[in-house]
Amino acid sequence: MDGDFRHDFVRDPHANSQFPALVLNADYRPLSYLPLSLWPWQESVKAVFLDRVSIVAEYEETVHSQSFEMNIPSVVVLKDFVKPRKRVAFTRFNLFLRDEFSCQYCGAHQDLTFDHVIPRALGGVTSWENVVAACAPCNVRKGSKTLRASGLHLRRPARRPEAQQLINNGRRFPPKRLHNSWADFLYWDSELEA
């Protein structure tokens, strides 16, 4: 399977409003957590017929044709393993996820933007090690000044995240709508019974 094949499984959440299927890799882990790897029900049914997935759990609702009826899959697992990417793309979303959707100066969670720790006006570059999430008031306060000149301090140093760090951070921000059949595969910081 080629590298872009992985992206075909992560769909726009608005298209999954009715009976989405959680898509698991062959190791029974979601292909992605943020956004959660979901398929619209039509894609999951198609993948079943193309023998690309196995059904792990189903909704009570059914789809049917003249000669066939099946329950809509709620969890499917790929038959072929899709190798996860090791390199984390430098995107605004991944930056916010690395910084846990909070200002790295004051800890606020609203009105987030990003800030260059060493301002571009002073030779700072746009990189993992120099860009942090910042709320608009802190960003305005800092402006084109150094941390020392602005009187601001970073809550933690800006670093390139590992893919596993983003996955772990993503688990702390579960989607608003989770189907009961998905719980066993998401491990949203739940304590296991002994």
Protein backbone atom coordinates (compact mmCIF):
# COMPACT_ATOMS: atom_id res chain seq x y z
CA MET A 1 0.00 0.00 0.00
CA ASP A 2 1.32 3.44 -0.81
CA GLY A 3 1.85 6.19 1.78
CA ASP A 4 -1.21 8.24 0.77
CA PHE A 5 -3.47 5.22 1.32
CA ARG A 6 -3.49 6.02 5.06
CA HIS A 7 -5.15 9.39 4.46
CA ASP A 8 -8.10 7.77 2.68
CA PHE A 9 -9.24 6.43 6.04
CA VAL A 10 -9.39 9.73 7.87
CA ARG A 11 -12.59 11.42 6.79
CA ASP A 12 -14.19 14.77 7.37
CA PRO A 13 -16.10 14.41 10.69
CA HIS A 14 -19.16 16.17 9.23
CA ALA A 15 -19.58 13.36 6.69
CA ASN A 16 -19.76 10.81 9.52
CA SER A 17 -22.86 12.13 11.23
CA GLN A 18 -24.82 8.88 10.96
CA PHE A 19 -23.35 5.48 11.82
CA PRO A 20 -19.63 6.11 11.31
CA ALA A 21 -17.27 3.16 11.62
CA LEU A 22 -14.12 3.37 13.72
CA VAL A 23 -11.25 2.20 11.50
CA LEU A 24 -8.51 0.19 13.20
CA ASN A 25 -5.16 -0.77 11.77
CA ALA A 26 -4.33 -4.48 11.60
CA ASP A 27 -2.86 -4.16 15.13
CA TYR A 28 -6.31 -3.07 16.44
CA ARG A 29 -5.24 0.52 17.09
CA PRO A 30 -7.01 3.49 15.46
CA LEU A 31 -5.18 4.80 12.41
CA SER A 32 -5.34 8.25 14.02
CA TYR A 33 -6.73 9.80 17.17
CA LEU A 34 -7.02 13.42 16.11
CA PRO A 35 -8.95 13.39 13.94
CA LEU A 36 -10.28 10.00 14.94
CA SER A 37 -10.09 7.56 12.02
CA LEU A 38 -13.72 7.21 11.00
CA TRP A 39 -15.43 6.13 7.79
CA PRO A 40 -18.98 6.93 6.74
CA TRP A 41 -21.11 3.78 6.85
CA GLN A 42 -21.08 3.54 3.04
CA GLU A 43 -17.27 3.25 2.99
CA SER A 44 -17.23 0.58 5.69
CA VAL A 45 -19.83 -1.52 3.86
CA LYS A 46 -17.89 -1.14 0.61
CA ALA A 47 -14.63 -2.19 2.33
CA VAL A 48 -16.36 -5.30 3.72
CA PHE A 49 -17.46 -6.33 0.22
CA LEU A 50 -13.98 -5.64 -1.18
CA ASP A 51 -12.56 -7.87 1.60
CA ARG A 52 -10.25 -5.08 2.88
CA VAL A 53 -11.59 -5.15 6.45
CA SER A 54 -13.07 -7.46 9.04
CA ILE A 55 -16.06 -6.37 11.09
CA VAL A 56 -15.36 -6.19 14.83
CA ALA A 57 -18.62 -4.58 16.03
CA GLU A 58 -21.92 -3.56 14.46
CA TYR A 59 -24.79 -1.13 14.93
CA GLU A 60 -28.30 -2.51 15.32
CA GLU A 61 -29.32 -0.66 12.14
CA THR A 62 -29.15 -2.55 8.86
CA VAL A 63 -28.66 -1.82 5.20
CA HIS A 64 -30.13 -4.02 2.54
CA SER A 65 -30.65 -4.60 -1.13
CA GLN A 66 -33.22 -6.87 -2.79
CA SER A 67 -31.27 -9.99 -1.94
CA PHE A 68 -28.98 -9.01 0.93
CA GLU A 69 -29.13 -7.47 4.40
CA MET A 70 -26.36 -6.67 6.87
CA ASN A 71 -25.86 -4.71 10.08
CA ILE A 72 -23.90 -1.49 9.63
CA PRO A 73 -20.34 -1.93 10.93
CA SER A 74 -19.39 0.29 13.89
CA VAL A 75 -15.79 -0.97 14.20
CA VAL A 76 -13.72 -2.42 11.36
CA VAL A 77 -10.12 -3.61 11.29
CA LEU A 78 -7.89 -3.48 8.21
CA LYS A 79 -6.66 -6.80 6.93
CA ASP A 80 -3.36 -5.24 5.80
CA PHE A 81 -1.23 -3.25 8.24
CA VAL A 82 -0.71 0.40 7.29
CA LYS A 83 2.67 1.55 8.59
CA PRO A 84 2.29 4.70 10.72
CA ARG A 85 4.34 7.74 9.86
CA LYS A 86 7.33 8.35 12.09
CA ARG A 87 7.91 11.95 11.09
CA VAL A 88 5.42 14.41 12.53
CA ALA A 89 4.30 17.08 10.07
CA PHE A 90 4.83 20.66 11.22
CA THR A 91 1.26 21.97 11.06
CA ARG A 92 -0.72 24.44 13.14
CA PHE A 93 -2.95 21.63 14.44
CA ASN A 94 0.00 19.43 15.46
CA LEU A 95 1.64 22.43 17.13
CA PHE A 96 -1.52 23.05 19.19
CA LEU A 97 -1.73 19.33 19.97
CA ARG A 98 1.91 19.26 21.11
CA ASP A 99 1.18 22.23 23.39
CA GLU A 100 -2.09 20.62 24.57
CA PHE A 101 -4.23 23.45 23.18
CA SER A 102 -2.93 25.91 25.78
CA CYS A 103 -0.92 29.13 25.71
CA GLN A 104 2.70 28.35 26.54
CA TYR A 105 3.02 31.65 28.39
CA CYS A 106 -0.12 31.84 30.59
CA GLY A 107 -1.92 28.50 30.12
CA ALA A 108 -5.10 29.96 28.55
CA HIS A 109 -7.12 27.70 26.25
CA GLN A 110 -9.04 30.34 24.28
CA ASP A 111 -8.15 32.58 21.37
CA LEU A 112 -5.04 30.58 20.45
CA THR A 113 -2.59 31.57 17.79
CA PHE A 114 1.13 30.83 17.53
CA ASP A 115 4.22 32.80 18.43
CA HIS A 116 7.88 32.72 17.42
CA VAL A 117 9.95 32.47 20.63
CA ILE A 118 12.83 34.24 18.90
CA PRO A 119 10.94 36.73 16.71
CA ARG A 120 11.41 36.52 12.97
CA ALA A 121 12.43 40.19 13.07
CA LEU A 122 15.42 39.07 15.16
CA GLY A 123 16.32 36.13 12.90
CA GLY A 124 14.00 33.48 14.41
CA VAL A 125 12.88 30.68 12.12
CA THR A 126 9.57 28.88 11.81
CA SER A 127 10.35 25.49 13.30
CA TRP A 128 9.22 23.12 16.06
CA GLU A 129 11.98 24.47 18.30
CA ASN A 130 10.98 28.14 17.88
CA VAL A 131 7.18 28.23 17.58
CA VAL A 132 4.69 27.76 20.42
CA ALA A 133 0.95 28.07 20.95
CA ALA A 134 0.06 31.45 22.45
CA CYS A 135 -3.16 33.24 23.28
CA ALA A 136 -3.75 36.52 21.47
CA PRO A 137 -3.16 38.73 24.55
CA CYS A 138 0.24 37.09 25.28
CA ASN A 139 1.18 37.21 21.61
CA VAL A 140 0.42 40.94 21.47
CA ARG A 141 2.27 41.52 24.75
CA LYS A 142 5.36 39.76 23.45
CA GLY A 143 5.25 41.29 19.97
CA SER A 144 8.69 41.31 18.34
CA LYS A 145 10.54 41.23 21.66
CA THR A 146 12.64 38.49 23.20
CA LEU A 147 11.23 36.54 26.15
CA ARG A 148 13.44 38.51 28.53
CA ALA A 149 12.40 41.90 27.12
CA SER A 150 8.70 40.96 27.23
CA GLY A 151 8.82 39.54 30.76
CA LEU A 152 7.18 36.29 29.60
CA HIS A 153 8.42 32.77 30.35
CA LEU A 154 7.74 29.51 28.54
CA ARG A 155 5.86 26.89 30.53
CA ARG A 156 7.99 24.23 28.77
CA PRO A 157 10.63 24.38 26.04
CA ALA A 158 9.58 24.14 22.40
CA ARG A 159 10.69 20.78 20.98
CA ARG A 160 9.99 18.58 17.98
CA PRO A 161 7.41 16.05 19.21
CA GLU A 162 7.59 12.33 18.65
CA ALA A 163 4.57 10.74 16.94
CA GLN A 164 3.77 8.82 20.15
CA GLN A 165 3.66 12.08 22.14
CA LEU A 166 0.99 13.47 19.80
CA ILE A 167 -0.98 10.22 20.02
CA ASN A 168 -0.86 10.36 23.82
CA ASN A 169 -1.87 14.03 23.81
CA GLY A 170 -4.69 13.24 21.38
CA ARG A 171 -6.11 10.64 23.75
CA ARG A 172 -6.71 13.43 26.27
CA PHE A 173 -9.07 15.17 23.85
CA PRO A 174 -11.68 12.54 22.94
CA PRO A 175 -14.33 13.38 20.34
CA LYS A 176 -17.64 14.67 21.64
CA ARG A 177 -19.52 11.67 20.26
CA LEU A 178 -18.24 8.17 20.96
CA HIS A 179 -20.18 5.01 20.23
CA ASN A 180 -20.12 2.39 23.02
CA SER A 181 -18.54 -0.20 20.71
CA TRP A 182 -15.48 2.03 20.23
CA ALA A 183 -14.50 2.25 23.92
CA ASP A 184 -12.40 -0.92 24.02
CA PHE A 185 -10.19 0.37 21.21
CA LEU A 186 -9.60 3.96 22.32
CA TYR A 187 -8.33 3.67 25.93
CA TRP A 188 -9.30 7.22 26.85
CA ASP A 189 -7.31 7.34 30.08
CA SER A 190 -9.69 4.84 31.63
CA GLU A 191 -8.58 2.64 34.48
CA LEU A 192 -8.82 -1.06 33.76
CA GLU A 193 -10.60 -3.33 36.21
CA ALA A 194 -8.37 -5.75 38.10
